[in-house]
Amino acid sequence: MGHYRKGHFRKDGKWVSGHYVSTFGRKRKSASPQGCAVVFFGGIISLLIYLLR
């Protein structure tokens, strides 16, 4: 699931080169910022456990 996006200028004027966009990934990110935080904190906790071991 996804599509190839041609190069274009963004609204803020930055040039975005052509790349493959996965619509599924973008939808998930915008839908659940909480899930991203969970992964982030999970990484920190696992890192702490690894360092303290």
Protein backbone atom coordinates (compact mmCIF):
# COMPACT_ATOMS: atom_id res chain seq x y z
CA MET A 1 0.00 0.00 0.00
CA GLY A 2 1.46 3.30 -1.08
CA HIS A 3 2.38 5.42 -4.07
CA TYR A 4 5.39 7.16 -5.58
CA ARG A 5 5.39 10.91 -5.11
CA LYS A 6 7.19 13.13 -7.62
CA GLY A 7 9.54 15.89 -6.48
CA HIS A 8 7.78 19.08 -5.42
CA PHE A 9 8.08 22.19 -3.28
CA ARG A 10 6.41 22.11 0.11
CA LYS A 11 4.28 24.98 1.41
CA ASP A 12 7.22 26.29 3.46
CA GLY A 13 9.37 26.40 0.30
CA LYS A 14 11.56 23.34 0.94
CA TRP A 15 12.15 21.01 -1.99
CA VAL A 16 10.97 17.46 -1.47
CA SER A 17 12.59 14.96 -3.84
CA GLY A 18 10.60 12.09 -5.30
CA HIS A 19 10.13 9.21 -2.89
CA TYR A 20 7.83 6.32 -2.14
CA VAL A 21 5.07 7.27 0.29
CA SER A 22 3.34 4.57 2.31
CA THR A 23 -0.14 5.91 3.05
CA PHE A 24 -0.60 3.29 5.76
CA GLY A 25 2.44 4.49 7.72
CA ARG A 26 1.40 8.15 7.46
CA LYS A 27 -2.13 7.39 8.64
CA ARG A 28 -0.87 5.41 11.63
CA LYS A 29 1.49 8.21 12.69
CA SER A 30 -1.18 10.92 12.57
CA ALA A 31 -3.78 8.65 14.19
CA SER A 32 -1.71 7.55 17.21
CA PRO A 33 0.97 9.91 18.54
CA GLN A 34 0.43 8.01 21.81
CA GLY A 35 1.69 4.79 20.24
CA CYS A 36 4.88 6.58 19.18
CA ALA A 37 5.41 7.76 22.77
CA VAL A 38 4.92 4.20 24.06
CA VAL A 39 7.61 2.92 21.68
CA PHE A 40 9.88 5.82 22.69
CA PHE A 41 9.51 5.20 26.44
CA GLY A 42 9.80 1.46 25.92
CA GLY A 43 13.15 2.05 24.23
CA ILE A 44 14.37 4.24 27.11
CA ILE A 45 13.28 1.69 29.74
CA SER A 46 14.92 -1.21 27.89
CA LEU A 47 18.08 0.89 27.55
CA LEU A 48 18.10 1.62 31.31
CA ILE A 49 17.61 -2.07 32.11
CA TYR A 50 20.47 -2.90 29.73
CA LEU A 51 22.79 -0.34 31.38
CA LEU A 52 21.90 -1.36 34.95
CA ARG A 53 22.29 -5.09 34.26
